């Protein structure tokens, strides 16, 4: 209501920004559900990037290097 009052009082930019903030605040928790539902639609789902479709960079954390090196050493010990 405050955003609409600002628009009527001659402050349209501030009023629209305030209204947009209110809409995002009101419906912000619904957007992830809408995105998840949209990913299941036949044509729309192909256009929306999915978190599981991200490219893997192949980088490993230092702990994984250490574990991999230890496993490799154990295998080399038996051969």
C-alpha atoms as a PDB file:
ATOM      1  CA  UNK A   1       0.000   0.000   0.000  1.00  0.00           C
ATOM      2  CA  UNK A   2       2.896   2.364   0.707  1.00  0.00           C
ATOM      3  CA  UNK A   3       4.295   1.836  -2.781  1.00  0.00           C
ATOM      4  CA  UNK A   4       0.966   2.693  -4.393  1.00  0.00           C
ATOM      5  CA  UNK A   5       0.728   5.828  -2.235  1.00  0.00           C
ATOM      6  CA  UNK A   6       4.203   6.889  -3.389  1.00  0.00           C
ATOM      7  CA  UNK A   7       3.140   6.426  -7.015  1.00  0.00           C
ATOM      8  CA  UNK A   8       0.017   8.554  -6.489  1.00  0.00           C
ATOM      9  CA  UNK A   9       2.017  11.226  -4.666  1.00  0.00           C
ATOM     10  CA  UNK A  10       4.367  11.705  -7.631  1.00  0.00           C
ATOM     11  CA  UNK A  11       7.241   9.380  -6.720  1.00  0.00           C
ATOM     12  CA  UNK A  12       6.675   6.628  -9.317  1.00  0.00           C
ATOM     13  CA  UNK A  13      10.175   5.115  -9.332  1.00  0.00           C
ATOM     14  CA  UNK A  14      10.363   4.781  -5.542  1.00  0.00           C
ATOM     15  CA  UNK A  15       6.814   3.446  -5.432  1.00  0.00           C
ATOM     16  CA  UNK A  16       7.467   0.774  -8.052  1.00  0.00           C
ATOM     17  CA  UNK A  17      10.696  -0.284  -6.335  1.00  0.00           C
ATOM     18  CA  UNK A  18       8.839  -0.576  -3.037  1.00  0.00           C
ATOM     19  CA  UNK A  19       6.039  -2.582  -4.676  1.00  0.00           C
ATOM     20  CA  UNK A  20       8.567  -4.915  -6.344  1.00  0.00           C
ATOM     21  CA  UNK A  21      10.275  -5.481  -3.005  1.00  0.00           C
ATOM     22  CA  UNK A  22       6.918  -6.315  -1.445  1.00  0.00           C
ATOM     23  CA  UNK A  23       6.043  -8.808  -4.170  1.00  0.00           C
ATOM     24  CA  UNK A  24       9.419 -10.542  -3.871  1.00  0.00           C
ATOM     25  CA  UNK A  25       9.097 -10.589  -0.098  1.00  0.00           C
ATOM     26  CA  UNK A  26       5.587 -12.031  -0.284  1.00  0.00           C
ATOM     27  CA  UNK A  27       6.155 -14.654  -2.977  1.00  0.00           C
ATOM     28  CA  UNK A  28       9.903 -15.265  -2.593  1.00  0.00           C
ATOM     29  CA  UNK A  29       9.510 -18.662  -0.933  1.00  0.00           C
ATOM     30  CA  UNK A  30       7.323 -19.887  -3.780  1.00  0.00           C
ATOM     31  CA  UNK A  31       9.872 -19.341  -6.584  1.00  0.00           C
ATOM     32  CA  UNK A  32      11.960 -22.503  -5.931  1.00  0.00           C
ATOM     33  CA  UNK A  33       8.802 -24.634  -6.092  1.00  0.00           C
ATOM     34  CA  UNK A  34       7.720 -22.976  -9.335  1.00  0.00           C
ATOM     35  CA  UNK A  35      11.182 -23.547 -10.831  1.00  0.00           C
ATOM     36  CA  UNK A  36      11.149 -27.210  -9.784  1.00  0.00           C
ATOM     37  CA  UNK A  37       7.729 -27.666 -11.355  1.00  0.00           C
ATOM     38  CA  UNK A  38       8.766 -25.817 -14.529  1.00  0.00           C
ATOM     39  CA  UNK A  39      11.783 -28.154 -14.935  1.00  0.00           C
ATOM     40  CA  UNK A  40       9.384 -31.082 -15.287  1.00  0.00           C
ATOM     41  CA  UNK A  41       7.515 -29.486 -18.234  1.00  0.00           C
ATOM     42  CA  UNK A  42       8.453 -30.930 -21.641  1.00  0.00           C
ATOM     43  CA  UNK A  43       9.793 -27.869 -23.490  1.00  0.00           C
ATOM     44  CA  UNK A  44      10.277 -25.396 -20.678  1.00  0.00           C
ATOM     45  CA  UNK A  45      12.374 -27.806 -18.599  1.00  0.00           C
ATOM     46  CA  UNK A  46      15.055 -27.943 -21.290  1.00  0.00           C
ATOM     47  CA  UNK A  47      15.472 -24.166 -21.185  1.00  0.00           C
ATOM     48  CA  UNK A  48      15.860 -23.881 -17.400  1.00  0.00           C
ATOM     49  CA  UNK A  49      19.286 -24.838 -16.043  1.00  0.00           C
ATOM     50  CA  UNK A  50      19.172 -27.463 -13.353  1.00  0.00           C
ATOM     51  CA  UNK A  51      21.638 -27.702 -10.447  1.00  0.00           C
ATOM     52  CA  UNK A  52      22.278 -31.357 -11.285  1.00  0.00           C
ATOM     53  CA  UNK A  53      23.191 -30.463 -14.876  1.00  0.00           C
ATOM     54  CA  UNK A  54      26.155 -28.313 -13.910  1.00  0.00           C
ATOM     55  CA  UNK A  55      29.434 -29.258 -15.512  1.00  0.00           C
ATOM     56  CA  UNK A  56      31.827 -31.092 -13.283  1.00  0.00           C
ATOM     57  CA  UNK A  57      35.212 -29.421 -13.243  1.00  0.00           C
ATOM     58  CA  UNK A  58      37.039 -32.486 -12.082  1.00  0.00           C
ATOM     59  CA  UNK A  59      38.603 -30.630  -9.196  1.00  0.00           C
ATOM     60  CA  UNK A  60      39.119 -32.528  -5.997  1.00  0.00           C
ATOM     61  CA  UNK A  61      39.563 -31.267  -2.506  1.00  0.00           C
ATOM     62  CA  UNK A  62      42.952 -31.818  -0.852  1.00  0.00           C
ATOM     63  CA  UNK A  63      41.455 -34.516   1.409  1.00  0.00           C
ATOM     64  CA  UNK A  64      40.416 -36.473  -1.681  1.00  0.00           C
ATOM     65  CA  UNK A  65      43.945 -36.254  -3.074  1.00  0.00           C
ATOM     66  CA  UNK A  66      45.324 -37.632   0.146  1.00  0.00           C
ATOM     67  CA  UNK A  67      42.782 -40.478   0.219  1.00  0.00           C
ATOM     68  CA  UNK A  68      43.418 -41.300  -3.447  1.00  0.00           C
ATOM     69  CA  UNK A  69      47.157 -41.344  -2.896  1.00  0.00           C
ATOM     70  CA  UNK A  70      46.760 -43.638   0.103  1.00  0.00           C
ATOM     71  CA  UNK A  71      44.556 -46.019  -1.874  1.00  0.00           C
ATOM     72  CA  UNK A  72      47.047 -46.044  -4.731  1.00  0.00           C
ATOM     73  CA  UNK A  73      49.901 -46.825  -2.320  1.00  0.00           C
ATOM     74  CA  UNK A  74      47.931 -49.709  -0.808  1.00  0.00           C
ATOM     75  CA  UNK A  75      47.259 -51.170  -4.249  1.00  0.00           C
ATOM     76  CA  UNK A  76      50.922 -50.833  -5.208  1.00  0.00           C
ATOM     77  CA  UNK A  77      51.926 -52.656  -2.027  1.00  0.00           C
ATOM     78  CA  UNK A  78      50.025 -55.775  -3.112  1.00  0.00           C
ATOM     79  CA  UNK A  79      51.536 -55.899  -6.623  1.00  0.00           C
END
